[in-house]
Amino acid sequence: MTLSGTVVPMATPTHGSDRSVDDEALRQFTRRLVDGGVHGLFPGSSIGEFSSLTTEQNRRVVRTVVEAADGDTTVVAGCCDTSVDAVLANVAAADDAGADAAVVVSPYYLGTTQPGLERFFRAIADESPLPLLLYNIPQLTGNELGVDLLRTLADHDSIVGVKDTSGDLTYHHRVVTETPDDFVVFQGATQLATASLEVGADGLIAGPANVFPGALSTLYDAYSRGDLGVARRLMREVVSPLVSATSGVPTAAATKHLVALDGLDIGEPLPPLPQLTDDEQRALRTTYQRVSERATEPAI
């Protein structure tokens, strides 16, 4: 298992008529991402609409992705829920499916404290059969994983890292510098990709990699080998235009539309997300066409 590089928070292909998972499209999508060179797959992500799927659907997504990946890349499975026992059941199912690690988001709906969050994550980690990546996205959960809390939790053998999608580079830098060297830190806000690598992040969990896996993997690889010109050009010509184009619409809905433009229909967003308007679709198509011309250039 490698926990670094560019990991894709995968969109989930679905059938619009009955809101079921499109297994065949998911297999095709998985292989497309693996063949694109990504360093890992993250089924059951926010972009994957995990909160709009049933427990069994989420587990089925993980099983299908693991089978289709066939050991060719790391799979970190989304195992998010709001109770300790529900999370542990999801982690056990992901372990049975063959996932390499589990992602657990801070609990949402009920407000709590940092000691309450520590209690939650330690209870899960004490019984988890898989290594855990914690997931900090306070704008959606209402519960931030404080730097002091992460430093404390990093002493648990099963808690191996964090995905930070706070969008706060100062916070991100503190997490990198104030946790042990072997505690993995992923940036989930792709607009901060190179800035985060600059301050020591171990990798990117990058939504745009759903559409341009090769470009996002190249960005990380180029930065790692010191080819900053390539990394910065990909930020300027691929990441920034995509982030800008998707900032005004739900990310999962925009991502599904962009993947369809790239040649694979993975369905419409699930309720409660809206369908895209004609104007939104046109704007995304314009950006996709412009970015695709640059993302596939041999020079990168």
Protein backbone atom coordinates (compact mmCIF):
# COMPACT_ATOMS: atom_id res chain seq x y z
CA MET A 1 0.00 0.00 0.00
CA THR A 2 1.22 3.46 -0.94
CA LEU A 3 -0.37 6.44 0.80
CA SER A 4 0.96 9.33 -1.23
CA GLY A 5 0.56 10.89 -4.66
CA THR A 6 -2.68 11.69 -6.45
CA VAL A 7 -5.74 9.85 -5.16
CA VAL A 8 -9.12 10.20 -6.88
CA PRO A 9 -12.24 10.85 -4.78
CA MET A 10 -14.32 8.90 -7.24
CA ALA A 11 -17.68 9.96 -8.60
CA THR A 12 -20.21 7.12 -8.39
CA PRO A 13 -21.87 6.04 -11.66
CA THR A 14 -25.62 5.70 -11.17
CA HIS A 15 -28.77 4.95 -13.12
CA GLY A 16 -31.08 7.96 -13.08
CA SER A 17 -34.30 5.97 -13.31
CA ASP A 18 -34.03 4.14 -9.98
CA ARG A 19 -30.96 5.75 -8.34
CA SER A 20 -29.08 2.43 -8.41
CA VAL A 21 -25.32 2.05 -8.85
CA ASP A 22 -24.23 1.41 -12.43
CA ASP A 23 -21.80 -1.46 -11.81
CA GLU A 24 -20.54 -1.77 -15.37
CA ALA A 25 -19.84 1.95 -15.72
CA LEU A 26 -18.11 1.86 -12.32
CA ARG A 27 -15.80 -0.91 -13.50
CA GLN A 28 -14.99 0.99 -16.69
CA PHE A 29 -14.45 4.19 -14.74
CA THR A 30 -12.14 2.46 -12.28
CA ARG A 31 -9.95 1.03 -15.03
CA ARG A 32 -9.87 4.39 -16.83
CA LEU A 33 -8.52 6.02 -13.67
CA VAL A 34 -6.00 3.25 -13.01
CA ASP A 35 -4.81 3.37 -16.61
CA GLY A 36 -4.54 7.15 -16.24
CA GLY A 37 -1.79 6.60 -13.70
CA VAL A 38 -3.39 7.70 -10.44
CA HIS A 39 -1.69 6.62 -7.23
CA GLY A 40 -4.89 5.65 -5.45
CA LEU A 41 -8.67 5.41 -5.58
CA PHE A 42 -11.13 6.72 -3.00
CA PRO A 43 -14.62 5.24 -3.51
CA GLY A 44 -17.28 6.43 -1.09
CA SER A 45 -16.13 10.05 -1.18
CA SER A 46 -18.11 13.28 -0.97
CA ILE A 47 -17.90 13.59 -4.77
CA GLY A 48 -19.08 9.98 -4.81
CA GLU A 49 -22.30 11.11 -3.09
CA PHE A 50 -21.85 8.64 -0.24
CA SER A 51 -24.47 10.45 1.84
CA SER A 52 -27.10 9.93 -0.90
CA LEU A 53 -26.49 6.19 -1.18
CA THR A 54 -27.64 3.39 1.10
CA THR A 55 -25.15 1.55 3.30
CA GLU A 56 -25.29 -1.48 1.02
CA GLN A 57 -24.82 0.65 -2.10
CA ASN A 58 -21.70 2.25 -0.60
CA ARG A 59 -20.29 -1.15 0.29
CA ARG A 60 -21.07 -2.44 -3.18
CA VAL A 61 -19.20 0.52 -4.69
CA VAL A 62 -16.12 -0.33 -2.62
CA ARG A 63 -16.27 -4.02 -3.58
CA THR A 64 -16.62 -3.21 -7.26
CA VAL A 65 -13.74 -0.72 -7.25
CA VAL A 66 -11.42 -3.12 -5.43
CA GLU A 67 -12.26 -5.90 -7.88
CA ALA A 68 -11.82 -3.68 -10.94
CA ALA A 69 -8.57 -2.15 -9.66
CA ASP A 70 -7.26 -5.71 -9.29
CA GLY A 71 -4.34 -4.72 -7.08
CA ASP A 72 -2.95 -2.19 -9.54
CA THR A 73 -3.29 0.76 -7.16
CA THR A 74 -4.17 1.56 -3.55
CA VAL A 75 -7.86 1.71 -2.59
CA VAL A 76 -8.87 3.83 0.39
CA ALA A 77 -12.52 3.20 1.12
CA GLY A 78 -14.95 5.78 2.41
CA CYS A 79 -16.46 4.36 5.61
CA CYS A 80 -18.21 7.47 6.85
CA ASP A 81 -21.13 7.56 9.24
CA THR A 82 -22.14 9.27 12.47
CA SER A 83 -22.00 6.41 14.97
CA VAL A 84 -19.00 4.38 16.10
CA ASP A 85 -20.66 1.05 15.40
CA ALA A 86 -21.89 2.06 11.93
CA VAL A 87 -18.39 3.20 10.98
CA LEU A 88 -16.84 0.00 12.32
CA ALA A 89 -19.33 -2.09 10.32
CA ASN A 90 -18.38 -0.14 7.18
CA VAL A 91 -14.67 -0.60 7.91
CA ALA A 92 -15.16 -4.34 8.41
CA ALA A 93 -17.00 -4.56 5.07
CA ALA A 94 -14.22 -2.58 3.34
CA ASP A 95 -11.62 -4.90 4.86
CA ASP A 96 -13.54 -7.95 3.64
CA ALA A 97 -13.68 -6.38 0.17
CA GLY A 98 -9.89 -5.99 0.09
CA ALA A 99 -9.51 -2.23 0.57
CA ASP A 100 -6.13 -1.02 1.82
CA ALA A 101 -7.31 1.71 4.21
CA ALA A 102 -10.48 3.40 5.41
CA VAL A 103 -11.46 7.07 5.36
CA VAL A 104 -13.55 8.28 8.31
CA VAL A 105 -15.04 11.78 8.33
CA SER A 106 -15.66 13.78 11.48
CA PRO A 107 -19.23 13.09 12.63
CA TYR A 108 -21.85 15.50 11.38
CA TYR A 109 -25.25 16.82 12.50
CA LEU A 110 -24.52 16.83 16.26
CA GLY A 111 -22.12 19.49 17.43
CA THR A 112 -19.42 18.23 19.75
CA THR A 113 -16.05 19.18 21.28
CA GLN A 114 -12.46 18.20 20.61
CA PRO A 115 -12.55 15.67 23.49
CA GLY A 116 -15.77 14.29 22.02
CA LEU A 117 -14.12 13.88 18.61
CA GLU A 118 -11.13 12.19 20.23
CA ARG A 119 -13.46 9.76 21.97
CA PHE A 120 -15.21 9.00 18.66
CA PHE A 121 -12.05 8.37 16.64
CA ARG A 122 -10.24 6.40 19.35
CA ALA A 123 -13.22 4.10 19.78
CA ILE A 124 -13.13 3.38 16.04
CA ALA A 125 -9.35 3.05 15.86
CA ASP A 126 -9.23 0.64 18.81
CA GLU A 127 -11.28 -1.90 16.85
CA SER A 128 -10.46 -1.09 13.23
CA PRO A 129 -8.98 -3.88 11.09
CA LEU A 130 -7.73 -1.27 8.58
CA PRO A 131 -5.46 1.77 8.86
CA LEU A 132 -7.51 4.95 9.11
CA LEU A 133 -7.33 8.28 7.31
CA LEU A 134 -9.32 10.92 9.16
CA TYR A 135 -11.25 13.40 7.03
CA ASN A 136 -11.45 17.07 7.97
CA ILE A 137 -14.11 19.02 6.08
CA PRO A 138 -15.61 21.33 8.72
CA GLN A 139 -17.67 23.38 6.25
CA LEU A 140 -19.86 20.29 5.71
CA THR A 141 -19.66 18.53 9.08
CA GLY A 142 -19.58 21.47 11.46
CA ASN A 143 -16.83 19.73 13.46
CA GLU A 144 -13.20 20.65 12.76
CA LEU A 145 -10.35 18.32 13.62
CA GLY A 146 -8.07 20.71 15.48
CA VAL A 147 -4.31 20.53 15.06
CA ASP A 148 -3.86 19.61 18.71
CA LEU A 149 -6.40 16.81 18.31
CA LEU A 150 -4.63 15.41 15.23
CA ARG A 151 -1.29 15.56 17.02
CA THR A 152 -2.83 13.56 19.87
CA LEU A 153 -4.59 11.03 17.63
CA ALA A 154 -1.44 10.48 15.57
CA ASP A 155 -0.06 8.39 18.43
CA HIS A 156 -2.64 5.66 17.71
CA ASP A 157 -1.17 2.85 15.59
CA SER A 158 -4.31 2.58 13.44
CA ILE A 159 -4.62 6.30 12.66
CA VAL A 160 -2.14 6.89 9.85
CA GLY A 161 -3.10 10.26 8.40
CA VAL A 162 -5.65 12.88 7.45
CA LYS A 163 -7.40 14.27 4.41
CA ASP A 164 -7.76 18.00 4.92
CA THR A 165 -10.39 19.77 2.83
CA SER A 166 -10.70 22.81 5.05
CA GLY A 167 -9.16 25.03 2.34
CA ASP A 168 -7.03 26.67 5.05
CA LEU A 169 -3.37 26.55 4.03
CA THR A 170 -2.17 27.84 7.41
CA TYR A 171 -4.03 25.01 9.14
CA HIS A 172 -2.66 22.55 6.59
CA HIS A 173 0.91 23.71 7.21
CA ARG A 174 0.46 23.34 10.96
CA VAL A 175 -0.83 19.79 10.55
CA VAL A 176 2.18 18.88 8.40
CA THR A 177 4.73 20.39 10.77
CA GLU A 178 3.13 19.47 14.10
CA THR A 179 2.40 15.78 13.48
CA PRO A 180 4.96 12.96 13.19
CA ASP A 181 6.79 12.50 9.89
CA ASP A 182 5.03 9.18 9.27
CA PHE A 183 1.58 10.75 9.70
CA VAL A 184 0.28 11.16 6.14
CA VAL A 185 -1.29 14.49 5.17
CA PHE A 186 -3.39 14.78 2.00
CA GLN A 187 -4.69 18.03 0.55
CA GLY A 188 -8.32 17.76 -0.52
CA ALA A 189 -8.70 21.34 -1.81
CA THR A 190 -7.10 20.95 -5.23
CA GLN A 191 -6.69 24.68 -5.79
CA LEU A 192 -4.02 24.47 -3.06
CA ALA A 193 -2.22 21.51 -4.63
CA THR A 194 1.23 22.91 -5.32
CA ALA A 195 1.11 25.25 -2.33
CA SER A 196 0.40 22.24 -0.10
CA LEU A 197 3.16 20.14 -1.64
CA GLU A 198 5.45 23.09 -1.02
CA VAL A 199 4.71 22.98 2.72
CA GLY A 200 5.18 19.21 2.89
CA ALA A 201 1.88 17.49 2.05
CA ASP A 202 2.23 13.83 1.09
CA GLY A 203 -0.32 13.91 -1.67
CA LEU A 204 -3.53 15.18 -3.20
CA ILE A 205 -7.05 13.80 -3.03
CA ALA A 206 -8.05 15.65 -6.14
CA GLY A 207 -11.54 15.90 -7.60
CA PRO A 208 -10.31 17.02 -11.05
CA ALA A 209 -8.52 13.67 -11.36
CA ASN A 210 -11.93 12.14 -12.10
CA VAL A 211 -11.73 13.88 -15.47
CA PHE A 212 -8.00 14.30 -16.09
CA PRO A 213 -6.27 11.54 -14.10
CA GLY A 214 -3.10 11.71 -16.18
CA ALA A 215 -2.65 15.46 -15.73
CA LEU A 216 -3.26 15.37 -11.96
CA SER A 217 -0.92 12.41 -11.51
CA THR A 218 1.70 14.15 -13.62
CA LEU A 219 1.36 17.27 -11.48
CA TYR A 220 2.30 15.32 -8.35
CA ASP A 221 5.05 13.34 -10.07
CA ALA A 222 6.53 16.47 -11.65
CA TYR A 223 6.59 18.29 -8.32
CA SER A 224 8.17 15.28 -6.61
CA ARG A 225 11.04 15.15 -9.11
CA GLY A 226 11.59 18.91 -8.91
CA ASP A 227 10.10 19.80 -12.28
CA LEU A 228 8.26 22.82 -10.92
CA GLY A 229 7.61 24.33 -14.34
CA VAL A 230 5.41 21.39 -15.34
CA ALA A 231 3.61 21.35 -11.99
CA ARG A 232 2.88 25.07 -12.13
CA ARG A 233 1.69 24.90 -15.74
CA LEU A 234 -0.74 22.12 -14.87
CA MET A 235 -2.03 24.19 -11.98
CA ARG A 236 -2.51 27.16 -14.30
CA GLU A 237 -3.94 25.34 -17.31
CA VAL A 238 -5.83 22.39 -15.79
CA VAL A 239 -6.53 22.72 -12.08
CA SER A 240 -7.37 26.40 -11.77
CA PRO A 241 -9.81 26.52 -14.73
CA LEU A 242 -11.60 23.38 -13.51
CA VAL A 243 -11.86 24.60 -9.94
CA SER A 244 -13.17 27.95 -11.15
CA ALA A 245 -15.71 26.34 -13.47
CA THR A 246 -17.09 24.04 -10.78
CA SER A 247 -17.09 26.51 -7.89
CA GLY A 248 -20.64 27.72 -8.47
CA VAL A 249 -22.33 24.31 -8.77
CA PRO A 250 -22.35 21.17 -6.59
CA THR A 251 -19.05 19.41 -7.20
CA ALA A 252 -20.52 15.96 -7.69
CA ALA A 253 -22.98 17.21 -10.31
CA ALA A 254 -20.27 19.10 -12.18
CA THR A 255 -17.88 16.15 -12.02
CA LYS A 256 -20.42 13.72 -13.44
CA HIS A 257 -21.11 16.07 -16.33
CA LEU A 258 -17.40 16.54 -17.05
CA VAL A 259 -16.78 12.78 -17.02
CA ALA A 260 -19.63 12.40 -19.53
CA LEU A 261 -17.99 15.02 -21.73
CA ASP A 262 -14.85 12.92 -21.51
CA GLY A 263 -16.72 10.01 -23.04
CA LEU A 264 -18.22 7.95 -20.20
CA ASP A 265 -21.80 8.54 -19.10
CA ILE A 266 -21.95 8.00 -15.32
CA GLY A 267 -25.46 9.34 -14.79
CA GLU A 268 -27.01 12.37 -13.18
CA PRO A 269 -26.44 13.56 -9.62
CA LEU A 270 -28.62 11.95 -6.98
CA PRO A 271 -31.17 13.87 -4.94
CA PRO A 272 -30.88 16.18 -3.08
CA LEU A 273 -28.39 17.60 -5.59
CA PRO A 274 -29.95 19.52 -8.48
CA GLN A 275 -29.61 18.75 -12.14
CA LEU A 276 -27.40 21.22 -13.98
CA THR A 277 -29.07 23.98 -15.95
CA ASP A 278 -28.39 24.41 -19.65
CA ASP A 279 -26.20 27.44 -18.92
CA GLU A 280 -24.17 25.49 -16.37
CA GLN A 281 -23.68 22.63 -18.81
CA ARG A 282 -22.54 25.02 -21.55
CA ALA A 283 -20.04 26.70 -19.22
CA LEU A 284 -18.60 23.36 -18.15
CA ARG A 285 -18.36 22.19 -21.76
CA THR A 286 -16.42 25.32 -22.73
CA THR A 287 -13.97 24.81 -19.87
CA TYR A 288 -13.62 21.10 -20.60
CA GLN A 289 -12.79 21.75 -24.25
CA ARG A 290 -10.21 24.38 -23.37
CA VAL A 291 -8.57 22.33 -20.63
CA SER A 292 -8.54 19.06 -22.56
CA GLU A 293 -6.45 20.64 -25.30
CA ARG A 294 -3.73 21.48 -22.79
CA ALA A 295 -4.03 18.48 -20.45
CA THR A 296 -3.13 16.03 -23.21
CA GLU A 297 -0.12 17.88 -24.59
CA PRO A 298 2.91 15.56 -24.85
CA ALA A 299 5.14 18.15 -23.18
CA ILE A 300 3.59 17.50 -19.79
